[in-house]
Amino acid sequence: MNTSNGNVIHTQGLPKAYKGVQALHGLNLEVPAGVAAHVTLSSCPQNVETEGLWMANRGTYIADGAGASWAIDIEMGVGNLTLVSQ
């Protein structure tokens, strides 16, 4: 994965109290395979791209999974966001 335009967050192993990261150009959020993720954008970035199977509806992105379920809230003003489910 090309990470030259921003930060990559590998979500596996993050503590529950993880507060976030400051990204200047863009953000890639990677969710492990089998993890159900519900991502809500509080303020929409300029561009949202997805890799893998994501359902999108008005600032909410959902990846199905049979394992753990994560609720992720992203507050981002400008830049690019890439959601990855592998």
PDB file of N, CA and C in Angstrom:
ATOM      1  N   MET A   1       0.847  -1.180   0.000  1.00  0.00           N
ATOM      2  CA  MET A   1       0.000   0.000   0.000  1.00  0.00           C
ATOM      3  C   MET A   1       0.890   1.242   0.000  1.00  0.00           C
ATOM      4  N   ASN A   2       0.584   2.216  -0.815  1.00  0.00           N
ATOM      5  CA  ASN A   2       1.331   3.461  -0.888  1.00  0.00           C
ATOM      6  C   ASN A   2       0.949   4.347   0.290  1.00  0.00           C
ATOM      7  N   THR A   3       1.926   4.693   1.118  1.00  0.00           N
ATOM      8  CA  THR A   3       1.654   5.535   2.272  1.00  0.00           C
ATOM      9  C   THR A   3       2.359   6.883   2.169  1.00  0.00           C
ATOM     10  N   SER A   4       2.812   7.248   0.991  1.00  0.00           N
ATOM     11  CA  SER A   4       3.584   8.475   0.843  1.00  0.00           C
ATOM     12  C   SER A   4       2.742   9.736   1.021  1.00  0.00           C
ATOM     13  N   ASN A   5       1.410   9.632   0.889  1.00  0.00           N
ATOM     14  CA  ASN A   5       0.551  10.813   1.011  1.00  0.00           C
ATOM     15  C   ASN A   5      -0.107  10.953   2.371  1.00  0.00           C
ATOM     16  N   GLY A   6       0.233  10.127   3.339  1.00  0.00           N
ATOM     17  CA  GLY A   6      -0.436  10.264   4.631  1.00  0.00           C
ATOM     18  C   GLY A   6      -0.015   9.200   5.607  1.00  0.00           C
ATOM     19  N   ASN A   7      -0.824   9.045   6.622  1.00  0.00           N
ATOM     20  CA  ASN A   7      -0.567   8.083   7.682  1.00  0.00           C
ATOM     21  C   ASN A   7      -1.377   6.824   7.445  1.00  0.00           C
ATOM     22  N   VAL A   8      -0.834   5.706   7.910  1.00  0.00           N
ATOM     23  CA  VAL A   8      -1.552   4.435   7.866  1.00  0.00           C
ATOM     24  C   VAL A   8      -1.753   3.988   9.307  1.00  0.00           C
ATOM     25  N   ILE A   9      -2.982   3.613   9.623  1.00  0.00           N
ATOM     26  CA  ILE A   9      -3.266   3.089  10.946  1.00  0.00           C
ATOM     27  C   ILE A   9      -3.647   1.627  10.792  1.00  0.00           C
ATOM     28  N   HIS A  10      -2.875   0.751  11.408  1.00  0.00           N
ATOM     29  CA  HIS A  10      -3.218  -0.662  11.468  1.00  0.00           C
ATOM     30  C   HIS A  10      -3.992  -0.832  12.771  1.00  0.00           C
ATOM     31  N   THR A  11      -5.270  -1.110  12.677  1.00  0.00           N
ATOM     32  CA  THR A  11      -6.133  -1.095  13.856  1.00  0.00           C
ATOM     33  C   THR A  11      -5.960  -2.300  14.758  1.00  0.00           C
ATOM     34  N   GLN A  12      -5.401  -3.371  14.248  1.00  0.00           N
ATOM     35  CA  GLN A  12      -5.228  -4.566  15.064  1.00  0.00           C
ATOM     36  C   GLN A  12      -4.256  -4.261  16.202  1.00  0.00           C
ATOM     37  N   GLY A  13      -4.680  -4.510  17.418  1.00  0.00           N
ATOM     38  CA  GLY A  13      -3.831  -4.300  18.579  1.00  0.00           C
ATOM     39  C   GLY A  13      -3.932  -2.918  19.209  1.00  0.00           C
ATOM     40  N   LEU A  14      -4.783  -2.046  18.680  1.00  0.00           N
ATOM     41  CA  LEU A  14      -4.942  -0.732  19.300  1.00  0.00           C
ATOM     42  C   LEU A  14      -5.707  -0.859  20.614  1.00  0.00           C
ATOM     43  N   PRO A  15      -5.318  -0.097  21.645  1.00  0.00           N
ATOM     44  CA  PRO A  15      -6.091  -0.125  22.894  1.00  0.00           C
ATOM     45  C   PRO A  15      -7.446   0.542  22.705  1.00  0.00           C
ATOM     46  N   LYS A  16      -8.416   0.191  23.561  1.00  0.00           N
ATOM     47  CA  LYS A  16      -9.754   0.785  23.467  1.00  0.00           C
ATOM     48  C   LYS A  16      -9.719   2.296  23.653  1.00  0.00           C
ATOM     49  N   ALA A  17      -8.764   2.791  24.411  1.00  0.00           N
ATOM     50  CA  ALA A  17      -8.697   4.224  24.706  1.00  0.00           C
ATOM     51  C   ALA A  17      -7.904   5.014  23.671  1.00  0.00           C
ATOM     52  N   TYR A  18      -7.633   4.421  22.513  1.00  0.00           N
ATOM     53  CA  TYR A  18      -6.874   5.108  21.471  1.00  0.00           C
ATOM     54  C   TYR A  18      -7.600   6.383  21.059  1.00  0.00           C
ATOM     55  N   LYS A  19      -6.911   7.509  21.100  1.00  0.00           N
ATOM     56  CA  LYS A  19      -7.548   8.808  20.869  1.00  0.00           C
ATOM     57  C   LYS A  19      -7.384   9.354  19.467  1.00  0.00           C
ATOM     58  N   GLY A  20      -6.477   8.824  18.680  1.00  0.00           N
ATOM     59  CA  GLY A  20      -6.402   9.307  17.311  1.00  0.00           C
ATOM     60  C   GLY A  20      -5.020   9.726  16.883  1.00  0.00           C
ATOM     61  N   VAL A  21      -4.967  10.243  15.667  1.00  0.00           N
ATOM     62  CA  VAL A  21      -3.715  10.658  15.063  1.00  0.00           C
ATOM     63  C   VAL A  21      -3.977  11.934  14.276  1.00  0.00           C
ATOM     64  N   GLN A  22      -2.980  12.788  14.213  1.00  0.00           N
ATOM     65  CA  GLN A  22      -3.098  13.982  13.384  1.00  0.00           C
ATOM     66  C   GLN A  22      -2.475  13.668  12.030  1.00  0.00           C
ATOM     67  N   ALA A  23      -3.260  13.830  10.981  1.00  0.00           N
ATOM     68  CA  ALA A  23      -2.780  13.550   9.634  1.00  0.00           C
ATOM     69  C   ALA A  23      -2.855  14.817   8.803  1.00  0.00           C
ATOM     70  N   LEU A  24      -1.771  15.164   8.133  1.00  0.00           N
ATOM     71  CA  LEU A  24      -1.739  16.393   7.365  1.00  0.00           C
ATOM     72  C   LEU A  24      -2.311  16.240   5.961  1.00  0.00           C
ATOM     73  N   HIS A  25      -2.038  15.124   5.305  1.00  0.00           N
ATOM     74  CA  HIS A  25      -2.435  14.970   3.909  1.00  0.00           C
ATOM     75  C   HIS A  25      -3.568  13.975   3.722  1.00  0.00           C
ATOM     76  N   GLY A  26      -3.572  12.931   4.503  1.00  0.00           N
ATOM     77  CA  GLY A  26      -4.569  11.905   4.331  1.00  0.00           C
ATOM     78  C   GLY A  26      -4.432  10.839   5.385  1.00  0.00           C
ATOM     79  N   LEU A  27      -5.416   9.960   5.412  1.00  0.00           N
ATOM     80  CA  LEU A  27      -5.450   8.919   6.420  1.00  0.00           C
ATOM     81  C   LEU A  27      -5.933   7.628   5.787  1.00  0.00           C
ATOM     82  N   ASN A  28      -5.203   6.527   6.040  1.00  0.00           N
ATOM     83  CA  ASN A  28      -5.620   5.195   5.632  1.00  0.00           C
ATOM     84  C   ASN A  28      -5.962   4.429   6.893  1.00  0.00           C
ATOM     85  N   LEU A  29      -7.175   3.909   6.975  1.00  0.00           N
ATOM     86  CA  LEU A  29      -7.609   3.131   8.127  1.00  0.00           C
ATOM     87  C   LEU A  29      -7.815   1.695   7.668  1.00  0.00           C
ATOM     88  N   GLU A  30      -7.008   0.768   8.218  1.00  0.00           N
ATOM     89  CA  GLU A  30      -7.078  -0.632   7.826  1.00  0.00           C
ATOM     90  C   GLU A  30      -7.743  -1.442   8.930  1.00  0.00           C
ATOM     91  N   VAL A  31      -8.809  -2.163   8.558  1.00  0.00           N
ATOM     92  CA  VAL A  31      -9.536  -3.028   9.485  1.00  0.00           C
ATOM     93  C   VAL A  31      -9.214  -4.472   9.115  1.00  0.00           C
ATOM     94  N   PRO A  32      -8.807  -5.304  10.081  1.00  0.00           N
ATOM     95  CA  PRO A  32      -8.460  -6.694   9.759  1.00  0.00           C
ATOM     96  C   PRO A  32      -9.648  -7.483   9.214  1.00  0.00           C
ATOM     97  N   ALA A  33      -9.342  -8.516   8.461  1.00  0.00           N
ATOM     98  CA  ALA A  33     -10.374  -9.388   7.907  1.00  0.00           C
ATOM     99  C   ALA A  33     -11.189 -10.008   9.025  1.00  0.00           C
ATOM    100  N   GLY A  34     -12.495 -10.100   8.824  1.00  0.00           N
ATOM    101  CA  GLY A  34     -13.386 -10.726   9.795  1.00  0.00           C
ATOM    102  C   GLY A  34     -13.894  -9.808  10.882  1.00  0.00           C
ATOM    103  N   VAL A  35     -13.388  -8.582  10.927  1.00  0.00           N
ATOM    104  CA  VAL A  35     -13.838  -7.619  11.936  1.00  0.00           C
ATOM    105  C   VAL A  35     -14.959  -6.769  11.352  1.00  0.00           C
ATOM    106  N   ALA A  36     -16.081  -6.706  12.050  1.00  0.00           N
ATOM    107  CA  ALA A  36     -17.181  -5.836  11.634  1.00  0.00           C
ATOM    108  C   ALA A  36     -16.850  -4.421  12.092  1.00  0.00           C
ATOM    109  N   ALA A  37     -16.919  -3.461  11.186  1.00  0.00           N
ATOM    110  CA  ALA A  37     -16.578  -2.076  11.519  1.00  0.00           C
ATOM    111  C   ALA A  37     -17.705  -1.150  11.096  1.00  0.00           C
ATOM    112  N   HIS A  38     -18.040  -0.211  11.967  1.00  0.00           N
ATOM    113  CA  HIS A  38     -19.035   0.819  11.702  1.00  0.00           C
ATOM    114  C   HIS A  38     -18.313   2.157  11.852  1.00  0.00           C
ATOM    115  N   VAL A  39     -17.999   2.794  10.727  1.00  0.00           N
ATOM    116  CA  VAL A  39     -17.228   4.035  10.724  1.00  0.00           C
ATOM    117  C   VAL A  39     -18.178   5.198  10.459  1.00  0.00           C
ATOM    118  N   THR A  40     -18.152   6.177  11.355  1.00  0.00           N
ATOM    119  CA  THR A  40     -18.978   7.370  11.205  1.00  0.00           C
ATOM    120  C   THR A  40     -18.077   8.575  11.036  1.00  0.00           C
ATOM    121  N   LEU A  41     -18.348   9.382  10.002  1.00  0.00           N
ATOM    122  CA  LEU A  41     -17.578  10.599   9.763  1.00  0.00           C
ATOM    123  C   LEU A  41     -18.328  11.770  10.368  1.00  0.00           C
ATOM    124  N   SER A  42     -17.723  12.395  11.387  1.00  0.00           N
ATOM    125  CA  SER A  42     -18.354  13.544  12.043  1.00  0.00           C
ATOM    126  C   SER A  42     -18.320  14.773  11.157  1.00  0.00           C
ATOM    127  N   SER A  43     -17.206  14.977  10.498  1.00  0.00           N
ATOM    128  CA  SER A  43     -17.104  16.032   9.490  1.00  0.00           C
ATOM    129  C   SER A  43     -16.395  15.401   8.308  1.00  0.00           C
ATOM    130  N   CYS A  44     -16.929  15.605   7.145  1.00  0.00           N
ATOM    131  CA  CYS A  44     -16.479  14.848   5.976  1.00  0.00           C
ATOM    132  C   CYS A  44     -15.197  15.394   5.376  1.00  0.00           C
ATOM    133  N   PRO A  45     -14.231  14.502   5.116  1.00  0.00           N
ATOM    134  CA  PRO A  45     -13.042  14.912   4.375  1.00  0.00           C
ATOM    135  C   PRO A  45     -13.391  15.173   2.919  1.00  0.00           C
ATOM    136  N   GLN A  46     -12.437  15.720   2.184  1.00  0.00           N
ATOM    137  CA  GLN A  46     -12.671  16.026   0.778  1.00  0.00           C
ATOM    138  C   GLN A  46     -12.952  14.780  -0.049  1.00  0.00           C
ATOM    139  N   ASN A  47     -12.284  13.692   0.257  1.00  0.00           N
ATOM    140  CA  ASN A  47     -12.394  12.510  -0.580  1.00  0.00           C
ATOM    141  C   ASN A  47     -12.347  11.259   0.292  1.00  0.00           C
ATOM    142  N   VAL A  48     -13.309  10.348   0.102  1.00  0.00           N
ATOM    143  CA  VAL A  48     -13.317   9.067   0.809  1.00  0.00           C
ATOM    144  C   VAL A  48     -13.261   7.954  -0.227  1.00  0.00           C
ATOM    145  N   GLU A  49     -12.273   7.076  -0.081  1.00  0.00           N
ATOM    146  CA  GLU A  49     -12.147   5.915  -0.952  1.00  0.00           C
ATOM    147  C   GLU A  49     -12.221   4.671  -0.087  1.00  0.00           C
ATOM    148  N   THR A  50     -12.700   3.581  -0.673  1.00  0.00           N
ATOM    149  CA  THR A  50     -12.766   2.323   0.058  1.00  0.00           C
ATOM    150  C   THR A  50     -12.056   1.234  -0.719  1.00  0.00           C
ATOM    151  N   GLU A  51     -11.464   0.301   0.015  1.00  0.00           N
ATOM    152  CA  GLU A  51     -10.856  -0.897  -0.549  1.00  0.00           C
ATOM    153  C   GLU A  51     -11.437  -2.069   0.214  1.00  0.00           C
ATOM    154  N   GLY A  52     -11.957  -3.047  -0.493  1.00  0.00           N
ATOM    155  CA  GLY A  52     -12.642  -4.154   0.152  1.00  0.00           C
ATOM    156  C   GLY A  52     -14.142  -3.901   0.114  1.00  0.00           C
ATOM    157  N   LEU A  53     -14.883  -4.673   0.893  1.00  0.00           N
ATOM    158  CA  LEU A  53     -16.343  -4.579   0.882  1.00  0.00           C
ATOM    159  C   LEU A  53     -16.839  -3.632   1.974  1.00  0.00           C
ATOM    160  N   TRP A  54     -17.257  -2.441   1.588  1.00  0.00           N
ATOM    161  CA  TRP A  54     -17.825  -1.439   2.484  1.00  0.00           C
ATOM    162  C   TRP A  54     -19.180  -1.005   1.935  1.00  0.00           C
ATOM    163  N   MET A  55     -20.143  -0.823   2.823  1.00  0.00           N
ATOM    164  CA  MET A  55     -21.425  -0.227   2.453  1.00  0.00           C
ATOM    165  C   MET A  55     -21.393   1.217   2.930  1.00  0.00           C
ATOM    166  N   ALA A  56     -21.784   2.146   2.068  1.00  0.00           N
ATOM    167  CA  ALA A  56     -21.725   3.569   2.404  1.00  0.00           C
ATOM    168  C   ALA A  56     -23.118   4.178   2.360  1.00  0.00           C
ATOM    169  N   ASN A  57     -23.393   5.060   3.354  1.00  0.00           N
ATOM    170  CA  ASN A  57     -24.664   5.768   3.391  1.00  0.00           C
ATOM    171  C   ASN A  57     -24.504   7.045   4.206  1.00  0.00           C
ATOM    172  N   ARG A  58     -24.413   8.192   3.534  1.00  0.00           N
ATOM    173  CA  ARG A  58     -24.403   9.515   4.182  1.00  0.00           C
ATOM    174  C   ARG A  58     -23.412   9.635   5.340  1.00  0.00           C
ATOM    175  N   GLY A  59     -22.159   9.406   5.041  1.00  0.00           N
ATOM    176  CA  GLY A  59     -21.124   9.599   6.062  1.00  0.00           C
ATOM    177  C   GLY A  59     -20.946   8.424   7.006  1.00  0.00           C
ATOM    178  N   THR A  60     -21.603   7.309   6.731  1.00  0.00           N
ATOM    179  CA  THR A  60     -21.435   6.098   7.522  1.00  0.00           C
ATOM    180  C   THR A  60     -20.965   4.978   6.601  1.00  0.00           C
ATOM    181  N   TYR A  61     -19.949   4.261   7.042  1.00  0.00           N
ATOM    182  CA  TYR A  61     -19.374   3.164   6.259  1.00  0.00           C
ATOM    183  C   TYR A  61     -19.369   1.918   7.127  1.00  0.00           C
ATOM    184  N   ILE A  62     -19.847   0.802   6.564  1.00  0.00           N
ATOM    185  CA  ILE A  62     -19.967  -0.435   7.325  1.00  0.00           C
ATOM    186  C   ILE A  62     -19.264  -1.562   6.577  1.00  0.00           C
ATOM    187  N   ALA A  63     -18.411  -2.286   7.318  1.00  0.00           N
ATOM    188  CA  ALA A  63     -17.779  -3.502   6.813  1.00  0.00           C
ATOM    189  C   ALA A  63     -18.311  -4.656   7.652  1.00  0.00           C
ATOM    190  N   ASP A  64     -18.881  -5.664   7.004  1.00  0.00           N
ATOM    191  CA  ASP A  64     -19.416  -6.818   7.720  1.00  0.00           C
ATOM    192  C   ASP A  64     -18.299  -7.741   8.161  1.00  0.00           C
ATOM    193  N   GLY A  65     -18.554  -8.430   9.248  1.00  0.00           N
ATOM    194  CA  GLY A  65     -17.611  -9.419   9.743  1.00  0.00           C
ATOM    195  C   GLY A  65     -18.266 -10.271  10.806  1.00  0.00           C
ATOM    196  N   ALA A  66     -17.734 -11.453  11.021  1.00  0.00           N
ATOM    197  CA  ALA A  66     -18.300 -12.373  11.993  1.00  0.00           C
ATOM    198  C   ALA A  66     -17.602 -12.274  13.350  1.00  0.00           C
ATOM    199  N   GLY A  67     -16.498 -11.577  13.393  1.00  0.00           N
ATOM    200  CA  GLY A  67     -15.727 -11.479  14.633  1.00  0.00           C
ATOM    201  C   GLY A  67     -16.141 -10.287  15.469  1.00  0.00           C
ATOM    202  N   ALA A  68     -15.169  -9.655  16.034  1.00  0.00           N
ATOM    203  CA  ALA A  68     -15.400  -8.482  16.883  1.00  0.00           C
ATOM    204  C   ALA A  68     -16.073  -7.371  16.091  1.00  0.00           C
ATOM    205  N   SER A  69     -16.749  -6.477  16.798  1.00  0.00           N
ATOM    206  CA  SER A  69     -17.412  -5.337  16.155  1.00  0.00           C
ATOM    207  C   SER A  69     -16.806  -4.042  16.697  1.00  0.00           C
ATOM    208  N   TRP A  70     -16.382  -3.176  15.787  1.00  0.00           N
ATOM    209  CA  TRP A  70     -15.764  -1.912  16.178  1.00  0.00           C
ATOM    210  C   TRP A  70     -16.629  -0.743  15.751  1.00  0.00           C
ATOM    211  N   ALA A  71     -16.741   0.243  16.606  1.00  0.00           N
ATOM    212  CA  ALA A  71     -17.384   1.519  16.270  1.00  0.00           C
ATOM    213  C   ALA A  71     -16.272   2.563  16.220  1.00  0.00           C
ATOM    214  N   ILE A  72     -16.112   3.204  15.064  1.00  0.00           N
ATOM    215  CA  ILE A  72     -15.025   4.156  14.856  1.00  0.00           C
ATOM    216  C   ILE A  72     -15.628   5.487  14.428  1.00  0.00           C
ATOM    217  N   ASP A  73     -15.311   6.558  15.144  1.00  0.00           N
ATOM    218  CA  ASP A  73     -15.775   7.897  14.802  1.00  0.00           C
ATOM    219  C   ASP A  73     -14.578   8.697  14.295  1.00  0.00           C
ATOM    220  N   ILE A  74     -14.698   9.231  13.094  1.00  0.00           N
ATOM    221  CA  ILE A  74     -13.604   9.996  12.499  1.00  0.00           C
ATOM    222  C   ILE A  74     -14.045  11.440  12.336  1.00  0.00           C
ATOM    223  N   GLU A  75     -13.254  12.342  12.898  1.00  0.00           N
ATOM    224  CA  GLU A  75     -13.485  13.777  12.741  1.00  0.00           C
ATOM    225  C   GLU A  75     -12.312  14.307  11.931  1.00  0.00           C
ATOM    226  N   MET A  76     -12.620  14.725  10.703  1.00  0.00           N
ATOM    227  CA  MET A  76     -11.559  15.105   9.768  1.00  0.00           C
ATOM    228  C   MET A  76     -12.096  16.203   8.868  1.00  0.00           C
ATOM    229  N   GLY A  77     -11.383  17.312   8.765  1.00  0.00           N
ATOM    230  CA  GLY A  77     -11.866  18.432   7.975  1.00  0.00           C
ATOM    231  C   GLY A  77     -11.485  18.373   6.512  1.00  0.00           C
ATOM    232  N   VAL A  78     -10.207  18.326   6.229  1.00  0.00           N
ATOM    233  CA  VAL A  78      -9.735  18.299   4.846  1.00  0.00           C
ATOM    234  C   VAL A  78      -8.800  17.120   4.668  1.00  0.00           C
ATOM    235  N   GLY A  79      -8.582  16.751   3.433  1.00  0.00           N
ATOM    236  CA  GLY A  79      -7.689  15.645   3.147  1.00  0.00           C
ATOM    237  C   GLY A  79      -8.432  14.465   2.586  1.00  0.00           C
ATOM    238  N   ASN A  80      -7.728  13.366   2.483  1.00  0.00           N
ATOM    239  CA  ASN A  80      -8.273  12.150   1.897  1.00  0.00           C
ATOM    240  C   ASN A  80      -8.336  11.057   2.948  1.00  0.00           C
ATOM    241  N   LEU A  81      -9.400  10.276   2.904  1.00  0.00           N
ATOM    242  CA  LEU A  81      -9.581   9.149   3.801  1.00  0.00           C
ATOM    243  C   LEU A  81      -9.740   7.888   2.956  1.00  0.00           C
ATOM    244  N   THR A  82      -8.956   6.850   3.286  1.00  0.00           N
ATOM    245  CA  THR A  82      -9.093   5.555   2.626  1.00  0.00           C
ATOM    246  C   THR A  82      -9.424   4.524   3.687  1.00  0.00           C
ATOM    247  N   LEU A  83     -10.560   3.850   3.512  1.00  0.00           N
ATOM    248  CA  LEU A  83     -10.971   2.774   4.426  1.00  0.00           C
ATOM    249  C   LEU A  83     -10.654   1.457   3.754  1.00  0.00           C
ATOM    250  N   VAL A  84      -9.920   0.586   4.477  1.00  0.00           N
ATOM    251  CA  VAL A  84      -9.485  -0.681   3.915  1.00  0.00           C
ATOM    252  C   VAL A  84     -10.003  -1.807   4.791  1.00  0.00           C
ATOM    253  N   SER A  85     -10.663  -2.776   4.189  1.00  0.00           N
ATOM    254  CA  SER A  85     -11.088  -3.982   4.888  1.00  0.00           C
ATOM    255  C   SER A  85     -10.517  -5.154   4.122  1.00  0.00           C
ATOM    256  N   GLN A  86      -9.590  -5.899   4.761  1.00  0.00           N
ATOM    257  CA  GLN A  86      -8.911  -6.999   4.058  1.00  0.00           C
ATOM    258  C   GLN A  86      -9.160  -8.298   4.763  1.00  0.00           C
TER     259      GLN A  86
END
